[in-house]
Amino acid sequence: MRGTALVRRARPRLARHQAPHTDEVTGGRLESPGWTANEKAEHRRLLALWQELAIKVGAHPFWAKQPKDGELVLARTQLKHHPDVLGLPQDDVVETAAA
């Protein structure tokens, strides 16, 4: 995200539709009045907090300890197919699956 603050602009009026056979006009709505000064200040505060927390999470030492280059996917796959995952003897799993 760029360093400039987001500014909510008023929406343009939505197009109205005029029925060709009745000349009835339907649809459309008024433009948005935009954000108040308090809403803008709260948006800036929350955006700054979100950015600060995103940096803290992304830079946490936990991520340096994680396997790289697909090792994590391989480890998960091996764990998923390991016979002791459920803590049951393998023949109990076969009997349960056959039932």
PDB file of N, CA and C in Angstrom:
ATOM      1  N   MET A   1       0.840  -1.173   0.000  1.00  0.00           N
ATOM      2  CA  MET A   1       0.000   0.000   0.000  1.00  0.00           C
ATOM      3  C   MET A   1       0.885   1.235   0.000  1.00  0.00           C
ATOM      4  N   ARG A   2       0.502   2.198  -0.703  1.00  0.00           N
ATOM      5  CA  ARG A   2       1.284   3.419  -0.804  1.00  0.00           C
ATOM      6  C   ARG A   2       1.179   4.230   0.483  1.00  0.00           C
ATOM      7  N   GLY A   3       2.056   5.196   0.643  1.00  0.00           N
ATOM      8  CA  GLY A   3       2.100   5.996   1.855  1.00  0.00           C
ATOM      9  C   GLY A   3       0.962   6.983   1.987  1.00  0.00           C
ATOM     10  N   THR A   4       0.191   7.195   0.966  1.00  0.00           N
ATOM     11  CA  THR A   4      -0.909   8.147   1.055  1.00  0.00           C
ATOM     12  C   THR A   4      -2.112   7.490   1.702  1.00  0.00           C
ATOM     13  N   ALA A   5      -2.839   8.277   2.436  1.00  0.00           N
ATOM     14  CA  ALA A   5      -4.037   7.771   3.111  1.00  0.00           C
ATOM     15  C   ALA A   5      -5.152   7.580   2.096  1.00  0.00           C
ATOM     16  N   LEU A   6      -5.968   6.578   2.351  1.00  0.00           N
ATOM     17  CA  LEU A   6      -7.104   6.342   1.479  1.00  0.00           C
ATOM     18  C   LEU A   6      -8.179   7.386   1.741  1.00  0.00           C
ATOM     19  N   VAL A   7      -8.772   7.865   0.699  1.00  0.00           N
ATOM     20  CA  VAL A   7      -9.842   8.842   0.823  1.00  0.00           C
ATOM     21  C   VAL A   7     -11.060   8.258   0.129  1.00  0.00           C
ATOM     22  N   ARG A   8     -12.146   8.179   0.852  1.00  0.00           N
ATOM     23  CA  ARG A   8     -13.371   7.648   0.273  1.00  0.00           C
ATOM     24  C   ARG A   8     -14.087   8.773  -0.452  1.00  0.00           C
ATOM     25  N   ARG A   9     -14.238   8.586  -1.727  1.00  0.00           N
ATOM     26  CA  ARG A   9     -14.899   9.607  -2.529  1.00  0.00           C
ATOM     27  C   ARG A   9     -16.387   9.297  -2.636  1.00  0.00           C
ATOM     28  N   ALA A  10     -17.163  10.334  -2.830  1.00  0.00           N
ATOM     29  CA  ALA A  10     -18.590  10.140  -3.009  1.00  0.00           C
ATOM     30  C   ALA A  10     -18.828   9.357  -4.295  1.00  0.00           C
ATOM     31  N   ARG A  11     -19.740   8.431  -4.239  1.00  0.00           N
ATOM     32  CA  ARG A  11     -20.047   7.636  -5.415  1.00  0.00           C
ATOM     33  C   ARG A  11     -20.897   8.445  -6.389  1.00  0.00           C
ATOM     34  N   PRO A  12     -20.690   8.237  -7.656  1.00  0.00           N
ATOM     35  CA  PRO A  12     -21.560   8.917  -8.614  1.00  0.00           C
ATOM     36  C   PRO A  12     -22.963   8.329  -8.545  1.00  0.00           C
ATOM     37  N   ARG A  13     -23.910   9.098  -8.943  1.00  0.00           N
ATOM     38  CA  ARG A  13     -25.292   8.639  -8.945  1.00  0.00           C
ATOM     39  C   ARG A  13     -25.410   7.465  -9.923  1.00  0.00           C
ATOM     40  N   LEU A  14     -26.060   6.406  -9.471  1.00  0.00           N
ATOM     41  CA  LEU A  14     -26.260   5.269 -10.348  1.00  0.00           C
ATOM     42  C   LEU A  14     -27.276   5.626 -11.421  1.00  0.00           C
ATOM     43  N   ALA A  15     -27.096   5.068 -12.583  1.00  0.00           N
ATOM     44  CA  ALA A  15     -27.966   5.390 -13.712  1.00  0.00           C
ATOM     45  C   ALA A  15     -29.388   4.933 -13.447  1.00  0.00           C
ATOM     46  N   ARG A  16     -30.306   5.732 -13.873  1.00  0.00           N
ATOM     47  CA  ARG A  16     -31.712   5.369 -13.778  1.00  0.00           C
ATOM     48  C   ARG A  16     -32.121   4.753 -15.103  1.00  0.00           C
ATOM     49  N   HIS A  17     -33.150   3.956 -15.043  1.00  0.00           N
ATOM     50  CA  HIS A  17     -33.626   3.276 -16.244  1.00  0.00           C
ATOM     51  C   HIS A  17     -35.042   3.762 -16.559  1.00  0.00           C
ATOM     52  N   GLN A  18     -35.272   4.126 -17.791  1.00  0.00           N
ATOM     53  CA  GLN A  18     -36.596   4.550 -18.212  1.00  0.00           C
ATOM     54  C   GLN A  18     -37.188   3.467 -19.106  1.00  0.00           C
ATOM     55  N   ALA A  19     -38.312   2.913 -18.661  1.00  0.00           N
ATOM     56  CA  ALA A  19     -38.969   1.868 -19.437  1.00  0.00           C
ATOM     57  C   ALA A  19     -39.513   2.470 -20.735  1.00  0.00           C
ATOM     58  N   PRO A  20     -39.249   1.835 -21.881  1.00  0.00           N
ATOM     59  CA  PRO A  20     -39.643   2.417 -23.155  1.00  0.00           C
ATOM     60  C   PRO A  20     -41.156   2.467 -23.387  1.00  0.00           C
ATOM     61  N   HIS A  21     -41.901   1.529 -22.816  1.00  0.00           N
ATOM     62  CA  HIS A  21     -43.329   1.486 -23.098  1.00  0.00           C
ATOM     63  C   HIS A  21     -44.172   2.244 -22.083  1.00  0.00           C
ATOM     64  N   THR A  22     -43.630   2.557 -20.888  1.00  0.00           N
ATOM     65  CA  THR A  22     -44.413   3.278 -19.876  1.00  0.00           C
ATOM     66  C   THR A  22     -43.779   4.602 -19.489  1.00  0.00           C
ATOM     67  N   ASP A  23     -42.542   4.829 -19.889  1.00  0.00           N
ATOM     68  CA  ASP A  23     -41.769   6.011 -19.497  1.00  0.00           C
ATOM     69  C   ASP A  23     -41.557   6.097 -17.980  1.00  0.00           C
ATOM     70  N   GLU A  24     -41.771   4.966 -17.277  1.00  0.00           N
ATOM     71  CA  GLU A  24     -41.539   4.936 -15.836  1.00  0.00           C
ATOM     72  C   GLU A  24     -40.034   4.904 -15.584  1.00  0.00           C
ATOM     73  N   VAL A  25     -39.562   5.728 -14.659  1.00  0.00           N
ATOM     74  CA  VAL A  25     -38.150   5.783 -14.312  1.00  0.00           C
ATOM     75  C   VAL A  25     -37.937   4.995 -13.026  1.00  0.00           C
ATOM     76  N   THR A  26     -37.014   4.027 -13.078  1.00  0.00           N
ATOM     77  CA  THR A  26     -36.736   3.198 -11.906  1.00  0.00           C
ATOM     78  C   THR A  26     -35.235   3.155 -11.657  1.00  0.00           C
ATOM     79  N   GLY A  27     -34.873   2.720 -10.467  1.00  0.00           N
ATOM     80  CA  GLY A  27     -33.466   2.529 -10.121  1.00  0.00           C
ATOM     81  C   GLY A  27     -32.781   3.818  -9.740  1.00  0.00           C
ATOM     82  N   GLY A  28     -31.486   3.710  -9.501  1.00  0.00           N
ATOM     83  CA  GLY A  28     -30.675   4.856  -9.125  1.00  0.00           C
ATOM     84  C   GLY A  28     -30.748   5.133  -7.639  1.00  0.00           C
ATOM     85  N   ARG A  29     -29.789   5.883  -7.158  1.00  0.00           N
ATOM     86  CA  ARG A  29     -29.782   6.322  -5.761  1.00  0.00           C
ATOM     87  C   ARG A  29     -28.923   7.572  -5.648  1.00  0.00           C
ATOM     88  N   LEU A  30     -29.054   8.247  -4.531  1.00  0.00           N
ATOM     89  CA  LEU A  30     -28.312   9.476  -4.317  1.00  0.00           C
ATOM     90  C   LEU A  30     -26.843   9.193  -4.063  1.00  0.00           C
ATOM     91  N   GLU A  31     -26.010  10.196  -4.274  1.00  0.00           N
ATOM     92  CA  GLU A  31     -24.584  10.063  -4.017  1.00  0.00           C
ATOM     93  C   GLU A  31     -24.333   9.920  -2.525  1.00  0.00           C
ATOM     94  N   SER A  32     -23.243   9.216  -2.181  1.00  0.00           N
ATOM     95  CA  SER A  32     -22.846   9.060  -0.796  1.00  0.00           C
ATOM     96  C   SER A  32     -22.260  10.379  -0.294  1.00  0.00           C
ATOM     97  N   PRO A  33     -22.550  10.745   0.945  1.00  0.00           N
ATOM     98  CA  PRO A  33     -21.968  11.984   1.473  1.00  0.00           C
ATOM     99  C   PRO A  33     -20.486  11.848   1.822  1.00  0.00           C
ATOM    100  N   GLY A  34     -19.927  10.625   1.766  1.00  0.00           N
ATOM    101  CA  GLY A  34     -18.515  10.423   2.114  1.00  0.00           C
ATOM    102  C   GLY A  34     -18.348  10.199   3.608  1.00  0.00           C
ATOM    103  N   TRP A  35     -17.101  10.164   4.049  1.00  0.00           N
ATOM    104  CA  TRP A  35     -16.810   9.921   5.451  1.00  0.00           C
ATOM    105  C   TRP A  35     -16.756  11.228   6.234  1.00  0.00           C
ATOM    106  N   THR A  36     -17.121  11.142   7.504  1.00  0.00           N
ATOM    107  CA  THR A  36     -16.974  12.289   8.391  1.00  0.00           C
ATOM    108  C   THR A  36     -15.512  12.382   8.827  1.00  0.00           C
ATOM    109  N   ALA A  37     -15.161  13.478   9.469  1.00  0.00           N
ATOM    110  CA  ALA A  37     -13.786  13.652   9.956  1.00  0.00           C
ATOM    111  C   ALA A  37     -13.436  12.557  10.972  1.00  0.00           C
ATOM    112  N   ASN A  38     -14.385  12.192  11.839  1.00  0.00           N
ATOM    113  CA  ASN A  38     -14.139  11.136  12.828  1.00  0.00           C
ATOM    114  C   ASN A  38     -13.918   9.790  12.156  1.00  0.00           C
ATOM    115  N   GLU A  39     -14.700   9.494  11.119  1.00  0.00           N
ATOM    116  CA  GLU A  39     -14.534   8.235  10.404  1.00  0.00           C
ATOM    117  C   GLU A  39     -13.178   8.179   9.698  1.00  0.00           C
ATOM    118  N   LYS A  40     -12.754   9.287   9.126  1.00  0.00           N
ATOM    119  CA  LYS A  40     -11.442   9.340   8.471  1.00  0.00           C
ATOM    120  C   LYS A  40     -10.320   9.120   9.482  1.00  0.00           C
ATOM    121  N   ALA A  41     -10.431   9.751  10.653  1.00  0.00           N
ATOM    122  CA  ALA A  41      -9.409   9.597  11.693  1.00  0.00           C
ATOM    123  C   ALA A  41      -9.360   8.148  12.187  1.00  0.00           C
ATOM    124  N   GLU A  42     -10.530   7.543  12.379  1.00  0.00           N
ATOM    125  CA  GLU A  42     -10.570   6.148  12.826  1.00  0.00           C
ATOM    126  C   GLU A  42      -9.995   5.223  11.759  1.00  0.00           C
ATOM    127  N   HIS A  43     -10.263   5.500  10.507  1.00  0.00           N
ATOM    128  CA  HIS A  43      -9.712   4.694   9.411  1.00  0.00           C
ATOM    129  C   HIS A  43      -8.188   4.774   9.413  1.00  0.00           C
ATOM    130  N   ARG A  44      -7.642   5.980   9.562  1.00  0.00           N
ATOM    131  CA  ARG A  44      -6.182   6.149   9.601  1.00  0.00           C
ATOM    132  C   ARG A  44      -5.580   5.404  10.781  1.00  0.00           C
ATOM    133  N   ARG A  45      -6.240   5.472  11.949  1.00  0.00           N
ATOM    134  CA  ARG A  45      -5.749   4.790  13.148  1.00  0.00           C
ATOM    135  C   ARG A  45      -5.740   3.275  12.948  1.00  0.00           C
ATOM    136  N   LEU A  46      -6.834   2.733  12.426  1.00  0.00           N
ATOM    137  CA  LEU A  46      -6.924   1.292  12.218  1.00  0.00           C
ATOM    138  C   LEU A  46      -5.953   0.816  11.143  1.00  0.00           C
ATOM    139  N   LEU A  47      -5.763   1.601  10.098  1.00  0.00           N
ATOM    140  CA  LEU A  47      -4.814   1.234   9.052  1.00  0.00           C
ATOM    141  C   LEU A  47      -3.389   1.192   9.608  1.00  0.00           C
ATOM    142  N   ALA A  48      -3.034   2.176  10.419  1.00  0.00           N
ATOM    143  CA  ALA A  48      -1.698   2.201  11.034  1.00  0.00           C
ATOM    144  C   ALA A  48      -1.510   0.998  11.964  1.00  0.00           C
ATOM    145  N   LEU A  49      -2.549   0.679  12.735  1.00  0.00           N
ATOM    146  CA  LEU A  49      -2.474  -0.480  13.636  1.00  0.00           C
ATOM    147  C   LEU A  49      -2.329  -1.764  12.836  1.00  0.00           C
ATOM    148  N   TRP A  50      -3.102  -1.913  11.760  1.00  0.00           N
ATOM    149  CA  TRP A  50      -3.017  -3.096  10.911  1.00  0.00           C
ATOM    150  C   TRP A  50      -1.610  -3.243  10.327  1.00  0.00           C
ATOM    151  N   GLN A  51      -1.031  -2.153   9.853  1.00  0.00           N
ATOM    152  CA  GLN A  51       0.315  -2.201   9.284  1.00  0.00           C
ATOM    153  C   GLN A  51       1.347  -2.586  10.341  1.00  0.00           C
ATOM    154  N   GLU A  52       1.221  -2.036  11.528  1.00  0.00           N
ATOM    155  CA  GLU A  52       2.161  -2.351  12.612  1.00  0.00           C
ATOM    156  C   GLU A  52       2.088  -3.830  12.987  1.00  0.00           C
ATOM    157  N   LEU A  53       0.861  -4.352  13.118  1.00  0.00           N
ATOM    158  CA  LEU A  53       0.703  -5.756  13.494  1.00  0.00           C
ATOM    159  C   LEU A  53       1.145  -6.692  12.375  1.00  0.00           C
ATOM    160  N   ALA A  54       0.925  -6.312  11.127  1.00  0.00           N
ATOM    161  CA  ALA A  54       1.367  -7.143  10.006  1.00  0.00           C
ATOM    162  C   ALA A  54       2.886  -7.266   9.993  1.00  0.00           C
ATOM    163  N   ILE A  55       3.581  -6.187  10.299  1.00  0.00           N
ATOM    164  CA  ILE A  55       5.044  -6.216  10.357  1.00  0.00           C
ATOM    165  C   ILE A  55       5.514  -7.103  11.510  1.00  0.00           C
ATOM    166  N   LYS A  56       4.847  -6.989  12.672  1.00  0.00           N
ATOM    167  CA  LYS A  56       5.229  -7.811  13.825  1.00  0.00           C
ATOM    168  C   LYS A  56       5.046  -9.296  13.533  1.00  0.00           C
ATOM    169  N   VAL A  57       3.945  -9.652  12.906  1.00  0.00           N
ATOM    170  CA  VAL A  57       3.688 -11.061  12.611  1.00  0.00           C
ATOM    171  C   VAL A  57       4.670 -11.563  11.559  1.00  0.00           C
ATOM    172  N   GLY A  58       4.873 -10.796  10.500  1.00  0.00           N
ATOM    173  CA  GLY A  58       5.757 -11.222   9.425  1.00  0.00           C
ATOM    174  C   GLY A  58       7.212 -11.323   9.837  1.00  0.00           C
ATOM    175  N   ALA A  59       7.634 -10.516  10.809  1.00  0.00           N
ATOM    176  CA  ALA A  59       9.034 -10.504  11.240  1.00  0.00           C
ATOM    177  C   ALA A  59       9.272 -11.366  12.481  1.00  0.00           C
ATOM    178  N   HIS A  60       8.248 -12.091  12.931  1.00  0.00           N
ATOM    179  CA  HIS A  60       8.383 -12.902  14.138  1.00  0.00           C
ATOM    180  C   HIS A  60       9.401 -14.028  13.910  1.00  0.00           C
ATOM    181  N   PRO A  61      10.215 -14.366  14.930  1.00  0.00           N
ATOM    182  CA  PRO A  61      11.229 -15.421  14.801  1.00  0.00           C
ATOM    183  C   PRO A  61      10.654 -16.795  14.442  1.00  0.00           C
ATOM    184  N   PHE A  62       9.384 -17.015  14.700  1.00  0.00           N
ATOM    185  CA  PHE A  62       8.750 -18.291  14.362  1.00  0.00           C
ATOM    186  C   PHE A  62       8.964 -18.638  12.894  1.00  0.00           C
ATOM    187  N   TRP A  63       8.857 -17.656  12.018  1.00  0.00           N
ATOM    188  CA  TRP A  63       8.936 -17.921  10.581  1.00  0.00           C
ATOM    189  C   TRP A  63      10.343 -18.333  10.140  1.00  0.00           C
ATOM    190  N   ALA A  64      11.368 -17.912  10.869  1.00  0.00           N
ATOM    191  CA  ALA A  64      12.741 -18.295  10.508  1.00  0.00           C
ATOM    192  C   ALA A  64      13.004 -19.776  10.792  1.00  0.00           C
ATOM    193  N   LYS A  65      12.244 -20.351  11.705  1.00  0.00           N
ATOM    194  CA  LYS A  65      12.443 -21.753  12.086  1.00  0.00           C
ATOM    195  C   LYS A  65      11.711 -22.727  11.162  1.00  0.00           C
ATOM    196  N   GLN A  66      10.862 -22.217  10.275  1.00  0.00           N
ATOM    197  CA  GLN A  66      10.055 -23.083   9.418  1.00  0.00           C
ATOM    198  C   GLN A  66      10.868 -23.609   8.239  1.00  0.00           C
ATOM    199  N   PRO A  67      10.572 -24.840   7.820  1.00  0.00           N
ATOM    200  CA  PRO A  67      11.281 -25.415   6.666  1.00  0.00           C
ATOM    201  C   PRO A  67      11.047 -24.580   5.408  1.00  0.00           C
ATOM    202  N   LYS A  68      12.006 -24.613   4.524  1.00  0.00           N
ATOM    203  CA  LYS A  68      11.940 -23.832   3.289  1.00  0.00           C
ATOM    204  C   LYS A  68      11.806 -24.762   2.079  1.00  0.00           C
ATOM    205  N   ASP A  69      11.451 -24.182   0.949  1.00  0.00           N
ATOM    206  CA  ASP A  69      11.438 -24.859  -0.350  1.00  0.00           C
ATOM    207  C   ASP A  69      10.613 -26.144  -0.367  1.00  0.00           C
ATOM    208  N   GLY A  70       9.400 -26.088   0.107  1.00  0.00           N
ATOM    209  CA  GLY A  70       8.509 -27.240   0.009  1.00  0.00           C
ATOM    210  C   GLY A  70       8.705 -28.305   1.063  1.00  0.00           C
ATOM    211  N   GLU A  71       9.673 -28.141   1.948  1.00  0.00           N
ATOM    212  CA  GLU A  71       9.895 -29.146   2.989  1.00  0.00           C
ATOM    213  C   GLU A  71       8.689 -29.258   3.915  1.00  0.00           C
ATOM    214  N   LEU A  72       8.022 -28.146   4.158  1.00  0.00           N
ATOM    215  CA  LEU A  72       6.872 -28.165   5.053  1.00  0.00           C
ATOM    216  C   LEU A  72       5.736 -28.991   4.445  1.00  0.00           C
ATOM    217  N   VAL A  73       5.490 -28.843   3.164  1.00  0.00           N
ATOM    218  CA  VAL A  73       4.443 -29.618   2.499  1.00  0.00           C
ATOM    219  C   VAL A  73       4.778 -31.103   2.547  1.00  0.00           C
ATOM    220  N   LEU A  74       6.026 -31.446   2.286  1.00  0.00           N
ATOM    221  CA  LEU A  74       6.453 -32.842   2.340  1.00  0.00           C
ATOM    222  C   LEU A  74       6.276 -33.410   3.753  1.00  0.00           C
ATOM    223  N   ALA A  75       6.658 -32.637   4.755  1.00  0.00           N
ATOM    224  CA  ALA A  75       6.513 -33.099   6.141  1.00  0.00           C
ATOM    225  C   ALA A  75       5.045 -33.305   6.497  1.00  0.00           C
ATOM    226  N   ARG A  76       4.173 -32.413   6.079  1.00  0.00           N
ATOM    227  CA  ARG A  76       2.737 -32.571   6.355  1.00  0.00           C
ATOM    228  C   ARG A  76       2.190 -33.821   5.671  1.00  0.00           C
ATOM    229  N   THR A  77       2.602 -34.052   4.437  1.00  0.00           N
ATOM    230  CA  THR A  77       2.135 -35.224   3.701  1.00  0.00           C
ATOM    231  C   THR A  77       2.598 -36.500   4.380  1.00  0.00           C
ATOM    232  N   GLN A  78       3.852 -36.547   4.811  1.00  0.00           N
ATOM    233  CA  GLN A  78       4.367 -37.729   5.492  1.00  0.00           C
ATOM    234  C   GLN A  78       3.624 -37.962   6.807  1.00  0.00           C
ATOM    235  N   LEU A  79       3.339 -36.907   7.537  1.00  0.00           N
ATOM    236  CA  LEU A  79       2.612 -37.035   8.793  1.00  0.00           C
ATOM    237  C   LEU A  79       1.186 -37.523   8.540  1.00  0.00           C
ATOM    238  N   LYS A  80       0.572 -37.010   7.505  1.00  0.00           N
ATOM    239  CA  LYS A  80      -0.799 -37.387   7.179  1.00  0.00           C
ATOM    240  C   LYS A  80      -0.916 -38.888   6.902  1.00  0.00           C
ATOM    241  N   HIS A  81       0.097 -39.458   6.267  1.00  0.00           N
ATOM    242  CA  HIS A  81       0.054 -40.863   5.897  1.00  0.00           C
ATOM    243  C   HIS A  81       0.801 -41.774   6.866  1.00  0.00           C
ATOM    244  N   HIS A  82       1.272 -41.227   7.968  1.00  0.00           N
ATOM    245  CA  HIS A  82       1.988 -42.036   8.954  1.00  0.00           C
ATOM    246  C   HIS A  82       0.998 -42.971   9.637  1.00  0.00           C
ATOM    247  N   PRO A  83       1.367 -44.259   9.875  1.00  0.00           N
ATOM    248  CA  PRO A  83       0.407 -45.219  10.443  1.00  0.00           C
ATOM    249  C   PRO A  83       0.003 -44.909  11.885  1.00  0.00           C
ATOM    250  N   ASP A  84       0.805 -44.188  12.629  1.00  0.00           N
ATOM    251  CA  ASP A  84       0.490 -43.925  14.035  1.00  0.00           C
ATOM    252  C   ASP A  84      -0.195 -42.576  14.245  1.00  0.00           C
ATOM    253  N   VAL A  85      -0.701 -41.967  13.207  1.00  0.00           N
ATOM    254  CA  VAL A  85      -1.306 -40.639  13.352  1.00  0.00           C
ATOM    255  C   VAL A  85      -2.483 -40.657  14.306  1.00  0.00           C
ATOM    256  N   LEU A  86      -3.317 -41.679  14.214  1.00  0.00           N
ATOM    257  CA  LEU A  86      -4.487 -41.751  15.082  1.00  0.00           C
ATOM    258  C   LEU A  86      -4.173 -42.361  16.440  1.00  0.00           C
ATOM    259  N   GLY A  87      -2.958 -42.845  16.640  1.00  0.00           N
ATOM    260  CA  GLY A  87      -2.608 -43.457  17.909  1.00  0.00           C
ATOM    261  C   GLY A  87      -3.189 -44.852  18.076  1.00  0.00           C
ATOM    262  N   LEU A  88      -3.674 -45.458  16.979  1.00  0.00           N
ATOM    263  CA  LEU A  88      -4.241 -46.792  17.018  1.00  0.00           C
ATOM    264  C   LEU A  88      -3.325 -47.753  16.278  1.00  0.00           C
ATOM    265  N   PRO A  89      -3.339 -49.014  16.642  1.00  0.00           N
ATOM    266  CA  PRO A  89      -2.607 -49.990  15.831  1.00  0.00           C
ATOM    267  C   PRO A  89      -3.180 -49.994  14.412  1.00  0.00           C
ATOM    268  N   GLN A  90      -2.338 -50.274  13.432  1.00  0.00           N
ATOM    269  CA  GLN A  90      -2.727 -50.208  12.034  1.00  0.00           C
ATOM    270  C   GLN A  90      -3.908 -51.139  11.723  1.00  0.00           C
ATOM    271  N   ASP A  91      -3.929 -52.354  12.321  1.00  0.00           N
ATOM    272  CA  ASP A  91      -5.016 -53.274  12.012  1.00  0.00           C
ATOM    273  C   ASP A  91      -6.356 -52.775  12.539  1.00  0.00           C
ATOM    274  N   ASP A  92      -6.371 -51.984  13.627  1.00  0.00           N
ATOM    275  CA  ASP A  92      -7.620 -51.386  14.100  1.00  0.00           C
ATOM    276  C   ASP A  92      -8.155 -50.387  13.083  1.00  0.00           C
ATOM    277  N   VAL A  93      -7.280 -49.654  12.450  1.00  0.00           N
ATOM    278  CA  VAL A  93      -7.700 -48.669  11.455  1.00  0.00           C
ATOM    279  C   VAL A  93      -8.309 -49.371  10.254  1.00  0.00           C
ATOM    280  N   VAL A  94      -7.697 -50.479   9.834  1.00  0.00           N
ATOM    281  CA  VAL A  94      -8.218 -51.237   8.690  1.00  0.00           C
ATOM    282  C   VAL A  94      -9.586 -51.798   9.022  1.00  0.00           C
ATOM    283  N   GLU A  95      -9.753 -52.365  10.220  1.00  0.00           N
ATOM    284  CA  GLU A  95     -11.038 -52.921  10.616  1.00  0.00           C
ATOM    285  C   GLU A  95     -12.103 -51.827  10.664  1.00  0.00           C
ATOM    286  N   THR A  96     -11.771 -50.668  11.192  1.00  0.00           N
ATOM    287  CA  THR A  96     -12.722 -49.578  11.278  1.00  0.00           C
ATOM    288  C   THR A  96     -13.102 -49.077   9.888  1.00  0.00           C
ATOM    289  N   ALA A  97     -12.134 -48.968   9.006  1.00  0.00           N
ATOM    290  CA  ALA A  97     -12.403 -48.495   7.657  1.00  0.00           C
ATOM    291  C   ALA A  97     -13.263 -49.479   6.887  1.00  0.00           C
ATOM    292  N   ALA A  98     -13.090 -50.793   7.157  1.00  0.00           N
ATOM    293  CA  ALA A  98     -13.866 -51.808   6.444  1.00  0.00           C
ATOM    294  C   ALA A  98     -15.314 -51.855   6.920  1.00  0.00           C
ATOM    295  N   ALA A  99     -15.595 -51.380   8.109  1.00  0.00           N
ATOM    296  CA  ALA A  99     -16.951 -51.451   8.670  1.00  0.00           C
ATOM    297  C   ALA A  99     -17.906 -50.498   8.020  1.00  0.00           C
TER     298      ALA A  99
END
